[in-house]
C-alpha atoms as a PDB file:
ATOM      1  CA  UNK A   1     161.188  19.057  72.919  1.00  0.00           C
ATOM      2  CA  UNK A   2     160.443  16.064  70.867  1.00  0.00           C
ATOM      3  CA  UNK A   3     156.775  15.178  69.658  1.00  0.00           C
ATOM      4  CA  UNK A   4     155.834  11.848  69.371  1.00  0.00           C
ATOM      5  CA  UNK A   5     155.521  10.890  65.910  1.00  0.00           C
ATOM      6  CA  UNK A   6     153.174   8.409  66.602  1.00  0.00           C
ATOM      7  CA  UNK A   7     150.537  10.924  68.142  1.00  0.00           C
ATOM      8  CA  UNK A   8     150.828  13.339  65.212  1.00  0.00           C
ATOM      9  CA  UNK A   9     150.302   9.899  63.022  1.00  0.00           C
ATOM     10  CA  UNK A  10     147.355   8.930  64.907  1.00  0.00           C
ATOM     11  CA  UNK A  11     145.691  12.557  64.522  1.00  0.00           C
ATOM     12  CA  UNK A  12     146.082  12.819  61.418  1.00  0.00           C
ATOM     13  CA  UNK A  13     144.309   9.654  60.488  1.00  0.00           C
ATOM     14  CA  UNK A  14     141.394  10.939  62.105  1.00  0.00           C
ATOM     15  CA  UNK A  15     139.065  11.616  59.360  1.00  0.00           C
ATOM     16  CA  UNK A  16     137.814  14.917  59.961  1.00  0.00           C
ATOM     17  CA  UNK A  17     141.242  16.507  60.394  1.00  0.00           C
ATOM     18  CA  UNK A  18     141.689  14.572  57.398  1.00  0.00           C
ATOM     19  CA  UNK A  19     138.791  17.096  55.782  1.00  0.00           C
ATOM     20  CA  UNK A  20     139.856  19.916  57.649  1.00  0.00           C
ATOM     21  CA  UNK A  21     143.498  20.089  56.128  1.00  0.00           C
ATOM     22  CA  UNK A  22     141.943  18.755  52.878  1.00  0.00           C
ATOM     23  CA  UNK A  23     139.472  21.865  52.627  1.00  0.00           C
ATOM     24  CA  UNK A  24     142.133  24.938  53.924  1.00  0.00           C
ATOM     25  CA  UNK A  25     143.884  23.337  51.155  1.00  0.00           C
ATOM     26  CA  UNK A  26     141.230  23.161  48.640  1.00  0.00           C
ATOM     27  CA  UNK A  27     140.091  27.026  50.213  1.00  0.00           C
ATOM     28  CA  UNK A  28     143.468  28.340  49.428  1.00  0.00           C
ATOM     29  CA  UNK A  29     143.536  26.685  45.566  1.00  0.00           C
ATOM     30  CA  UNK A  30     140.219  28.117  44.950  1.00  0.00           C
ATOM     31  CA  UNK A  31     141.293  31.529  46.432  1.00  0.00           C
ATOM     32  CA  UNK A  32     143.787  31.466  43.960  1.00  0.00           C
ATOM     33  CA  UNK A  33     141.965  30.740  40.814  1.00  0.00           C
ATOM     34  CA  UNK A  34     139.334  32.734  41.934  1.00  0.00           C
ATOM     35  CA  UNK A  35     140.735  36.272  42.541  1.00  0.00           C
ATOM     36  CA  UNK A  36     138.284  38.718  44.362  1.00  0.00           C
ATOM     37  CA  UNK A  37     136.666  41.473  41.751  1.00  0.00           C
ATOM     38  CA  UNK A  38     138.632  44.028  43.922  1.00  0.00           C
ATOM     39  CA  UNK A  39     141.432  42.983  45.690  1.00  0.00           C
ATOM     40  CA  UNK A  40     142.547  44.357  48.898  1.00  0.00           C
ATOM     41  CA  UNK A  41     138.623  44.907  49.462  1.00  0.00           C
ATOM     42  CA  UNK A  42     136.790  43.978  52.315  1.00  0.00           C
ATOM     43  CA  UNK A  43     133.307  44.117  50.586  1.00  0.00           C
ATOM     44  CA  UNK A  44     134.572  41.372  48.152  1.00  0.00           C
ATOM     45  CA  UNK A  45     136.421  39.051  50.394  1.00  0.00           C
ATOM     46  CA  UNK A  46     134.927  35.648  51.836  1.00  0.00           C
ATOM     47  CA  UNK A  47     136.446  34.344  55.072  1.00  0.00           C
ATOM     48  CA  UNK A  48     135.999  31.242  55.425  1.00  0.00           C
ATOM     49  CA  UNK A  49     137.428  29.859  59.088  1.00  0.00           C
ATOM     50  CA  UNK A  50     138.346  26.215  59.321  1.00  0.00           C
ATOM     51  CA  UNK A  51     135.746  25.910  61.816  1.00  0.00           C
ATOM     52  CA  UNK A  52     133.023  26.498  58.945  1.00  0.00           C
ATOM     53  CA  UNK A  53     135.066  23.600  57.167  1.00  0.00           C
ATOM     54  CA  UNK A  54     134.570  21.447  59.997  1.00  0.00           C
ATOM     55  CA  UNK A  55     130.773  22.216  60.375  1.00  0.00           C
ATOM     56  CA  UNK A  56     130.249  21.593  56.457  1.00  0.00           C
ATOM     57  CA  UNK A  57     132.333  18.423  56.584  1.00  0.00           C
ATOM     58  CA  UNK A  58     130.081  17.346  60.155  1.00  0.00           C
ATOM     59  CA  UNK A  59     126.931  18.166  58.707  1.00  0.00           C
ATOM     60  CA  UNK A  60     127.508  16.227  55.660  1.00  0.00           C
ATOM     61  CA  UNK A  61     128.952  13.316  57.652  1.00  0.00           C
ATOM     62  CA  UNK A  62     125.916  13.510  60.115  1.00  0.00           C
ATOM     63  CA  UNK A  63     123.425  13.096  56.951  1.00  0.00           C
ATOM     64  CA  UNK A  64     125.411  10.436  54.563  1.00  0.00           C
ATOM     65  CA  UNK A  65     127.032   8.724  57.421  1.00  0.00           C
ATOM     66  CA  UNK A  66     130.832   9.068  55.934  1.00  0.00           C
ATOM     67  CA  UNK A  67     132.901  11.493  55.492  1.00  0.00           C
ATOM     68  CA  UNK A  68     132.486  13.556  51.766  1.00  0.00           C
ATOM     69  CA  UNK A  69     134.976  12.625  48.720  1.00  0.00           C
ATOM     70  CA  UNK A  70     137.187  15.106  47.590  1.00  0.00           C
ATOM     71  CA  UNK A  71     134.329  16.606  44.874  1.00  0.00           C
ATOM     72  CA  UNK A  72     131.511  16.433  47.283  1.00  0.00           C
ATOM     73  CA  UNK A  73     133.986  18.685  49.624  1.00  0.00           C
ATOM     74  CA  UNK A  74     134.607  20.632  46.706  1.00  0.00           C
ATOM     75  CA  UNK A  75     131.029  20.886  45.701  1.00  0.00           C
ATOM     76  CA  UNK A  76     130.104  21.857  49.852  1.00  0.00           C
ATOM     77  CA  UNK A  77     132.879  24.774  49.521  1.00  0.00           C
ATOM     78  CA  UNK A  78     131.218  26.052  46.459  1.00  0.00           C
ATOM     79  CA  UNK A  79     127.414  26.269  47.705  1.00  0.00           C
ATOM     80  CA  UNK A  80     128.687  28.234  51.151  1.00  0.00           C
ATOM     81  CA  UNK A  81     130.324  30.415  49.036  1.00  0.00           C
ATOM     82  CA  UNK A  82     127.605  30.871  46.956  1.00  0.00           C
ATOM     83  CA  UNK A  83     125.319  31.643  49.540  1.00  0.00           C
ATOM     84  CA  UNK A  84     127.582  34.328  50.955  1.00  0.00           C
ATOM     85  CA  UNK A  85     127.524  35.932  47.651  1.00  0.00           C
ATOM     86  CA  UNK A  86     124.151  36.463  47.120  1.00  0.00           C
ATOM     87  CA  UNK A  87     123.180  36.970  50.663  1.00  0.00           C
ATOM     88  CA  UNK A  88     125.427  40.531  50.145  1.00  0.00           C
ATOM     89  CA  UNK A  89     124.222  40.570  46.505  1.00  0.00           C
ATOM     90  CA  UNK A  90     120.840  40.920  47.933  1.00  0.00           C
ATOM     91  CA  UNK A  91     121.597  43.302  50.370  1.00  0.00           C
ATOM     92  CA  UNK A  92     123.374  45.329  48.579  1.00  0.00           C
ATOM     93  CA  UNK A  93     120.090  45.882  46.185  1.00  0.00           C
ATOM     94  CA  UNK A  94     117.905  46.285  49.292  1.00  0.00           C
ATOM     95  CA  UNK A  95     116.295  42.818  49.185  1.00  0.00           C
ATOM     96  CA  UNK A  96     116.365  43.107  53.144  1.00  0.00           C
ATOM     97  CA  UNK A  97     114.133  46.145  52.768  1.00  0.00           C
ATOM     98  CA  UNK A  98     110.643  45.812  54.029  1.00  0.00           C
ATOM     99  CA  UNK A  99     110.286  42.197  53.828  1.00  0.00           C
ATOM    100  CA  UNK A 100     108.082  40.667  56.048  1.00  0.00           C
ATOM    101  CA  UNK A 101     109.663  37.338  56.309  1.00  0.00           C
ATOM    102  CA  UNK A 102     112.934  38.558  56.297  1.00  0.00           C
ATOM    103  CA  UNK A 103     112.152  40.863  59.902  1.00  0.00           C
ATOM    104  CA  UNK A 104     110.210  38.065  61.031  1.00  0.00           C
ATOM    105  CA  UNK A 105     113.687  36.000  60.750  1.00  0.00           C
ATOM    106  CA  UNK A 106     115.862  38.431  62.279  1.00  0.00           C
ATOM    107  CA  UNK A 107     113.273  38.950  65.020  1.00  0.00           C
ATOM    108  CA  UNK A 108     113.100  34.929  65.495  1.00  0.00           C
ATOM    109  CA  UNK A 109     116.939  35.275  66.058  1.00  0.00           C
ATOM    110  CA  UNK A 110     116.847  38.312  68.338  1.00  0.00           C
ATOM    111  CA  UNK A 111     114.414  36.130  70.766  1.00  0.00           C
ATOM    112  CA  UNK A 112     116.455  32.900  70.282  1.00  0.00           C
ATOM    113  CA  UNK A 113     119.459  35.008  71.409  1.00  0.00           C
ATOM    114  CA  UNK A 114     117.667  36.133  74.319  1.00  0.00           C
ATOM    115  CA  UNK A 115     116.449  32.857  75.075  1.00  0.00           C
ATOM    116  CA  UNK A 116     120.278  31.237  75.135  1.00  0.00           C
ATOM    117  CA  UNK A 117     121.204  33.239  78.031  1.00  0.00           C
ATOM    118  CA  UNK A 118     118.856  31.261  80.020  1.00  0.00           C
ATOM    119  CA  UNK A 119     119.925  28.192  78.627  1.00  0.00           C
ATOM    120  CA  UNK A 120     123.570  28.947  79.578  1.00  0.00           C
ATOM    121  CA  UNK A 121     122.855  28.382  83.140  1.00  0.00           C
ATOM    122  CA  UNK A 122     122.798  25.281  85.144  1.00  0.00           C
ATOM    123  CA  UNK A 123     119.896  24.965  87.655  1.00  0.00           C
ATOM    124  CA  UNK A 124     121.297  22.487  90.377  1.00  0.00           C
ATOM    125  CA  UNK A 125     119.297  20.107  92.049  1.00  0.00           C
ATOM    126  CA  UNK A 126     118.397  22.312  95.163  1.00  0.00           C
ATOM    127  CA  UNK A 127     116.784  25.175  92.826  1.00  0.00           C
ATOM    128  CA  UNK A 128     114.600  22.130  90.782  1.00  0.00           C
ATOM    129  CA  UNK A 129     113.294  20.614  93.476  1.00  0.00           C
ATOM    130  CA  UNK A 130     112.348  23.752  95.037  1.00  0.00           C
ATOM    131  CA  UNK A 131     110.962  24.911  91.828  1.00  0.00           C
ATOM    132  CA  UNK A 132     109.040  21.542  91.483  1.00  0.00           C
ATOM    133  CA  UNK A 133     107.339  22.328  95.100  1.00  0.00           C
ATOM    134  CA  UNK A 134     106.100  24.914  93.838  1.00  0.00           C
ATOM    135  CA  UNK A 135     104.605  23.861  90.527  1.00  0.00           C
ATOM    136  CA  UNK A 136     104.215  20.361  91.407  1.00  0.00           C
ATOM    137  CA  UNK A 137     100.597  20.346  89.846  1.00  0.00           C
ATOM    138  CA  UNK A 138     102.402  20.822  86.611  1.00  0.00           C
ATOM    139  CA  UNK A 139     103.859  16.755  86.702  1.00  0.00           C
ATOM    140  CA  UNK A 140      99.999  15.247  88.757  1.00  0.00           C
ATOM    141  CA  UNK A 141      99.562  11.972  87.280  1.00  0.00           C
ATOM    142  CA  UNK A 142      96.522  11.072  86.553  1.00  0.00           C
ATOM    143  CA  UNK A 143      94.252   8.434  87.738  1.00  0.00           C
ATOM    144  CA  UNK A 144      93.847   5.461  85.405  1.00  0.00           C
ATOM    145  CA  UNK A 145      90.893   3.383  84.978  1.00  0.00           C
ATOM    146  CA  UNK A 146      90.099  -0.278  83.030  1.00  0.00           C
ATOM    147  CA  UNK A 147      86.549  -1.202  82.586  1.00  0.00           C
ATOM    148  CA  UNK A 148      84.489  -3.051  80.809  1.00  0.00           C
ATOM    149  CA  UNK A 149      81.141  -1.329  78.897  1.00  0.00           C
ATOM    150  CA  UNK A 150      78.472  -2.435  77.454  1.00  0.00           C
ATOM    151  CA  UNK A 151      76.521  -0.129  75.390  1.00  0.00           C
ATOM    152  CA  UNK A 152      72.885   0.493  74.869  1.00  0.00           C
ATOM    153  CA  UNK A 153      71.538   3.027  71.575  1.00  0.00           C
ATOM    154  CA  UNK A 154      69.239   5.851  71.491  1.00  0.00           C
ATOM    155  CA  UNK A 155      68.569   5.039  67.724  1.00  0.00           C
ATOM    156  CA  UNK A 156      67.343   1.206  68.128  1.00  0.00           C
ATOM    157  CA  UNK A 157      65.630   1.516  71.715  1.00  0.00           C
ATOM    158  CA  UNK A 158      64.213   5.080  71.658  1.00  0.00           C
ATOM    159  CA  UNK A 159      62.965   6.778  75.041  1.00  0.00           C
ATOM    160  CA  UNK A 160      62.620   2.981  76.335  1.00  0.00           C
ATOM    161  CA  UNK A 161      66.796   3.032  75.929  1.00  0.00           C
ATOM    162  CA  UNK A 162      67.180   3.695  80.179  1.00  0.00           C
ATOM    163  CA  UNK A 163      65.113   1.405  80.903  1.00  0.00           C
ATOM    164  CA  UNK A 164      66.604  -1.344  79.241  1.00  0.00           C
ATOM    165  CA  UNK A 165      69.773  -0.671  80.267  1.00  0.00           C
ATOM    166  CA  UNK A 166      68.571  -0.560  84.005  1.00  0.00           C
ATOM    167  CA  UNK A 167      67.126  -3.985  83.629  1.00  0.00           C
ATOM    168  CA  UNK A 168      69.905  -5.636  82.147  1.00  0.00           C
ATOM    169  CA  UNK A 169      72.118  -4.106  85.392  1.00  0.00           C
ATOM    170  CA  UNK A 170      69.250  -6.009  87.746  1.00  0.00           C
ATOM    171  CA  UNK A 171      70.220  -9.416  85.543  1.00  0.00           C
ATOM    172  CA  UNK A 172      73.522  -8.964  85.865  1.00  0.00           C
ATOM    173  CA  UNK A 173      74.422  -7.878  90.078  1.00  0.00           C
ATOM    174  CA  UNK A 174      76.726  -9.845  91.308  1.00  0.00           C
ATOM    175  CA  UNK A 175      77.591 -11.507  88.223  1.00  0.00           C
ATOM    176  CA  UNK A 176      81.544 -11.449  87.245  1.00  0.00           C
ATOM    177  CA  UNK A 177      82.795  -8.898  84.339  1.00  0.00           C
ATOM    178  CA  UNK A 178      83.321 -11.659  81.931  1.00  0.00           C
ATOM    179  CA  UNK A 179      79.972 -13.524  82.500  1.00  0.00           C
ATOM    180  CA  UNK A 180      78.433 -15.677  79.374  1.00  0.00           C
ATOM    181  CA  UNK A 181      75.232 -13.025  80.417  1.00  0.00           C
ATOM    182  CA  UNK A 182      77.385 -10.189  79.001  1.00  0.00           C
ATOM    183  CA  UNK A 183      77.386 -11.011  75.455  1.00  0.00           C
ATOM    184  CA  UNK A 184      73.343 -11.272  75.062  1.00  0.00           C
ATOM    185  CA  UNK A 185      73.340  -7.869  76.895  1.00  0.00           C
ATOM    186  CA  UNK A 186      73.412  -4.447  75.167  1.00  0.00           C
ATOM    187  CA  UNK A 187      73.644  -3.136  71.584  1.00  0.00           C
ATOM    188  CA  UNK A 188      76.313  -3.415  68.870  1.00  0.00           C
ATOM    189  CA  UNK A 189      78.028  -0.713  68.110  1.00  0.00           C
ATOM    190  CA  UNK A 190      81.784   0.123  66.529  1.00  0.00           C
ATOM    191  CA  UNK A 191      83.383   0.478  69.949  1.00  0.00           C
ATOM    192  CA  UNK A 192      85.578  -1.988  71.969  1.00  0.00           C
ATOM    193  CA  UNK A 193      84.096  -3.594  75.002  1.00  0.00           C
ATOM    194  CA  UNK A 194      87.131  -3.507  77.371  1.00  0.00           C
ATOM    195  CA  UNK A 195      89.017  -0.103  78.125  1.00  0.00           C
ATOM    196  CA  UNK A 196      92.410  -0.347  79.991  1.00  0.00           C
ATOM    197  CA  UNK A 197      94.881   1.199  81.605  1.00  0.00           C
ATOM    198  CA  UNK A 198      92.542   4.540  80.479  1.00  0.00           C
ATOM    199  CA  UNK A 199      92.933   8.000  82.181  1.00  0.00           C
ATOM    200  CA  UNK A 200      90.328  10.210  82.958  1.00  0.00           C
ATOM    201  CA  UNK A 201      91.369  12.853  80.122  1.00  0.00           C
ATOM    202  CA  UNK A 202      91.171  10.271  77.803  1.00  0.00           C
ATOM    203  CA  UNK A 203      87.732   8.885  78.626  1.00  0.00           C
ATOM    204  CA  UNK A 204      86.678  12.370  78.477  1.00  0.00           C
ATOM    205  CA  UNK A 205      87.686  12.656  74.659  1.00  0.00           C
ATOM    206  CA  UNK A 206      85.889   9.122  74.188  1.00  0.00           C
ATOM    207  CA  UNK A 207      82.552   9.479  76.124  1.00  0.00           C
ATOM    208  CA  UNK A 208      82.208  13.146  76.979  1.00  0.00           C
ATOM    209  CA  UNK A 209      83.458  14.686  80.298  1.00  0.00           C
ATOM    210  CA  UNK A 210      80.373  13.903  82.620  1.00  0.00           C
ATOM    211  CA  UNK A 211      80.855  10.133  81.740  1.00  0.00           C
ATOM    212  CA  UNK A 212      84.685   9.999  82.579  1.00  0.00           C
ATOM    213  CA  UNK A 213      83.756  11.618  86.075  1.00  0.00           C
ATOM    214  CA  UNK A 214      80.948   9.068  86.438  1.00  0.00           C
ATOM    215  CA  UNK A 215      83.204   6.147  85.757  1.00  0.00           C
ATOM    216  CA  UNK A 216      86.055   7.167  88.209  1.00  0.00           C
ATOM    217  CA  UNK A 217      83.836   7.793  91.116  1.00  0.00           C
ATOM    218  CA  UNK A 218      82.105   4.354  90.982  1.00  0.00           C
ATOM    219  CA  UNK A 219      83.435   1.968  93.725  1.00  0.00           C
ATOM    220  CA  UNK A 220      84.863  -1.162  91.466  1.00  0.00           C
ATOM    221  CA  UNK A 221      84.335  -4.703  91.578  1.00  0.00           C
ATOM    222  CA  UNK A 222      80.321  -4.537  90.111  1.00  0.00           C
ATOM    223  CA  UNK A 223      78.445  -3.879  87.527  1.00  0.00           C
ATOM    224  CA  UNK A 224      77.038  -0.022  87.414  1.00  0.00           C
ATOM    225  CA  UNK A 225      74.687   2.144  85.616  1.00  0.00           C
ATOM    226  CA  UNK A 226      73.214   3.429  83.552  1.00  0.00           C
ATOM    227  CA  UNK A 227      75.862   5.811  82.626  1.00  0.00           C
ATOM    228  CA  UNK A 228      74.752   8.219  79.839  1.00  0.00           C
ATOM    229  CA  UNK A 229      77.674   9.248  77.331  1.00  0.00           C
ATOM    230  CA  UNK A 230      77.580  11.173  74.172  1.00  0.00           C
ATOM    231  CA  UNK A 231      76.898   8.017  72.481  1.00  0.00           C
ATOM    232  CA  UNK A 232      73.776   6.376  74.303  1.00  0.00           C
ATOM    233  CA  UNK A 233      73.816   4.877  77.333  1.00  0.00           C
ATOM    234  CA  UNK A 234      76.105   2.560  79.307  1.00  0.00           C
ATOM    235  CA  UNK A 235      76.637  -0.259  81.835  1.00  0.00           C
ATOM    236  CA  UNK A 236      80.110  -0.372  82.828  1.00  0.00           C
ATOM    237  CA  UNK A 237      82.635  -3.029  84.977  1.00  0.00           C
ATOM    238  CA  UNK A 238      85.281  -1.219  86.724  1.00  0.00           C
ATOM    239  CA  UNK A 239      88.140  -3.490  88.057  1.00  0.00           C
ATOM    240  CA  UNK A 240      91.018  -1.695  88.094  1.00  0.00           C
ATOM    241  CA  UNK A 241      90.983   1.950  89.241  1.00  0.00           C
ATOM    242  CA  UNK A 242      94.708   3.480  90.299  1.00  0.00           C
ATOM    243  CA  UNK A 243      93.870   7.369  91.700  1.00  0.00           C
ATOM    244  CA  UNK A 244      95.993  10.193  90.708  1.00  0.00           C
ATOM    245  CA  UNK A 245      98.963  10.725  92.528  1.00  0.00           C
ATOM    246  CA  UNK A 246     102.333  13.127  92.754  1.00  0.00           C
ATOM    247  CA  UNK A 247     105.245  11.626  91.439  1.00  0.00           C
ATOM    248  CA  UNK A 248     108.151  12.083  93.298  1.00  0.00           C
ATOM    249  CA  UNK A 249     110.542  14.572  92.228  1.00  0.00           C
ATOM    250  CA  UNK A 250     113.380  11.995  90.651  1.00  0.00           C
ATOM    251  CA  UNK A 251     110.890  10.420  88.990  1.00  0.00           C
ATOM    252  CA  UNK A 252     110.437  13.708  86.525  1.00  0.00           C
ATOM    253  CA  UNK A 253     113.594  15.362  87.192  1.00  0.00           C
ATOM    254  CA  UNK A 254     113.884  15.008  83.508  1.00  0.00           C
ATOM    255  CA  UNK A 255     110.443  16.557  82.553  1.00  0.00           C
ATOM    256  CA  UNK A 256     110.906  19.279  85.739  1.00  0.00           C
ATOM    257  CA  UNK A 257     114.386  20.523  84.148  1.00  0.00           C
ATOM    258  CA  UNK A 258     112.742  21.486  80.860  1.00  0.00           C
ATOM    259  CA  UNK A 259     109.770  22.890  82.233  1.00  0.00           C
ATOM    260  CA  UNK A 260     112.131  24.914  84.349  1.00  0.00           C
ATOM    261  CA  UNK A 261     114.463  25.689  81.588  1.00  0.00           C
ATOM    262  CA  UNK A 262     111.042  26.786  79.161  1.00  0.00           C
ATOM    263  CA  UNK A 263     110.146  28.985  82.025  1.00  0.00           C
ATOM    264  CA  UNK A 264     113.820  30.852  82.267  1.00  0.00           C
ATOM    265  CA  UNK A 265     113.832  31.169  78.882  1.00  0.00           C
ATOM    266  CA  UNK A 266     110.047  33.336  78.798  1.00  0.00           C
ATOM    267  CA  UNK A 267     111.375  34.929  81.695  1.00  0.00           C
ATOM    268  CA  UNK A 268     114.792  35.832  79.775  1.00  0.00           C
ATOM    269  CA  UNK A 269     112.975  37.016  76.195  1.00  0.00           C
ATOM    270  CA  UNK A 270     110.479  39.383  78.587  1.00  0.00           C
ATOM    271  CA  UNK A 271     113.113  41.318  80.026  1.00  0.00           C
ATOM    272  CA  UNK A 272     115.538  41.392  77.282  1.00  0.00           C
ATOM    273  CA  UNK A 273     111.918  43.210  75.375  1.00  0.00           C
ATOM    274  CA  UNK A 274     110.767  44.986  77.952  1.00  0.00           C
ATOM    275  CA  UNK A 275     114.527  46.380  78.090  1.00  0.00           C
ATOM    276  CA  UNK A 276     114.553  47.054  74.192  1.00  0.00           C
ATOM    277  CA  UNK A 277     111.168  48.055  74.275  1.00  0.00           C
ATOM    278  CA  UNK A 278     111.317  51.188  76.509  1.00  0.00           C
ATOM    279  CA  UNK A 279     114.181  52.929  74.137  1.00  0.00           C
ATOM    280  CA  UNK A 280     111.034  53.327  71.276  1.00  0.00           C
ATOM    281  CA  UNK A 281     108.772  55.585  71.028  1.00  0.00           C
ATOM    282  CA  UNK A 282     106.060  54.404  69.007  1.00  0.00           C
ATOM    283  CA  UNK A 283     104.332  57.543  66.336  1.00  0.00           C
ATOM    284  CA  UNK A 284     100.728  56.704  65.084  1.00  0.00           C
ATOM    285  CA  UNK A 285      99.465  58.628  62.439  1.00  0.00           C
ATOM    286  CA  UNK A 286      96.694  60.843  63.470  1.00  0.00           C
ATOM    287  CA  UNK A 287      93.559  59.607  61.181  1.00  0.00           C
ATOM    288  CA  UNK A 288      91.736  63.344  61.659  1.00  0.00           C
ATOM    289  CA  UNK A 289      94.541  65.081  59.788  1.00  0.00           C
ATOM    290  CA  UNK A 290      96.219  62.360  57.737  1.00  0.00           C
ATOM    291  CA  UNK A 291      93.036  60.070  56.513  1.00  0.00           C
ATOM    292  CA  UNK A 292      90.057  61.304  54.599  1.00  0.00           C
ATOM    293  CA  UNK A 293      86.676  61.311  56.940  1.00  0.00           C
ATOM    294  CA  UNK A 294      85.143  58.348  53.963  1.00  0.00           C
ATOM    295  CA  UNK A 295      88.076  56.174  54.430  1.00  0.00           C
ATOM    296  CA  UNK A 296      87.628  55.927  58.614  1.00  0.00           C
ATOM    297  CA  UNK A 297      85.555  53.506  60.565  1.00  0.00           C
ATOM    298  CA  UNK A 298      82.215  54.563  60.756  1.00  0.00           C
ATOM    299  CA  UNK A 299      82.934  55.143  65.024  1.00  0.00           C
ATOM    300  CA  UNK A 300      85.778  57.431  63.843  1.00  0.00           C
ATOM    301  CA  UNK A 301      83.829  59.238  61.654  1.00  0.00           C
ATOM    302  CA  UNK A 302      81.135  59.492  64.276  1.00  0.00           C
ATOM    303  CA  UNK A 303      83.411  60.392  66.840  1.00  0.00           C
ATOM    304  CA  UNK A 304      85.660  63.132  64.784  1.00  0.00           C
ATOM    305  CA  UNK A 305      82.004  64.881  63.873  1.00  0.00           C
ATOM    306  CA  UNK A 306      81.113  65.586  67.169  1.00  0.00           C
ATOM    307  CA  UNK A 307      84.326  66.629  68.133  1.00  0.00           C
ATOM    308  CA  UNK A 308      83.683  69.484  65.487  1.00  0.00           C
ATOM    309  CA  UNK A 309      80.152  70.803  66.937  1.00  0.00           C
ATOM    310  CA  UNK A 310      81.741  70.828  70.383  1.00  0.00           C
END
């Protein structure tokens, strides 16, 4: 069989292939000039696969947007070897024993492995739609409100603040949202006059839940109020009110897929943990026998004394 030399040349011109071959050569040279501490002993052998070398090159290129130079690649290789050596030596002296950070990291990796089982399965559209139908509330789009407000300050007007707002409302009856009268009514505050396209949740954070619900319920197209907030009293003119709605599945397909996957990962993890947990028996200390009474919490000491008198 004849191999097309042009194809081979094209493959060899690929930067990643070049550095893969280069890395293999460097590794071979490194092994030659750095003999094993104990020839033939697997404990002192560090095997780097072509995939390891390729990953180092890809990682470097993702950071620097170019392939590494010969010197840089050699440094990547040495850093990898250093990491493996230090890890093995740490294990040899028991640094992994009773280390909270190591234990938590390994527990985290076990959880990731369990979740990967769920991530490997790709749901079809029918399954996602059925899941969306059962969990539609998670994707409901809240209503949006646009309005202008006039503020009345309790600090400035005291107990007459609501009366002042009601008097201003009577003067603004039938006036447009941009009436010249608006500028001469109300009190100044470090707060914008017009709020456009806000959700009820956003308004609740800015003014309080009661104000947000009240604004949502007003009839658009006229000055209304007074409505109390955590800041004081307000007159509002709602010029646009879009009710909340349930989006079509295809509008939120990506979000649905992500939420479905998150749920599947949690289910996979819980099932895996329950299976692992079932293998273990938990042994707790007998405080009454192993801990002096003076070191026990008061309730425990009291219980022990009661038991001893029965």
